[in-house]
């Protein structure tokens, strides 16, 4: 599951800097996925992580979309465990 989540996070390019620009942020967001179960809370954390690194704010609605996708992946992985 971690690989799938990291892939989704790393390929998200909110600032158009290329996939390789977000390595540190990807790890921080992955941790936030494990800490949060509510999309808006996760979205706010995602927004804060990227804003801290790049001094630019991603619109919250974009972060909510990513948060929903990541939480759906987390939920799907949890449901598929025997």
Foldseek 3Di string as FASTA:
>chain_A
DLVVQLVLVLCDDQPPPHSVPCPVLSVVLSVLLVVDLDLQVSLVSSQVSVCVVPVDGRPSVVSSVSSVVSNVVVVVVVVPDD
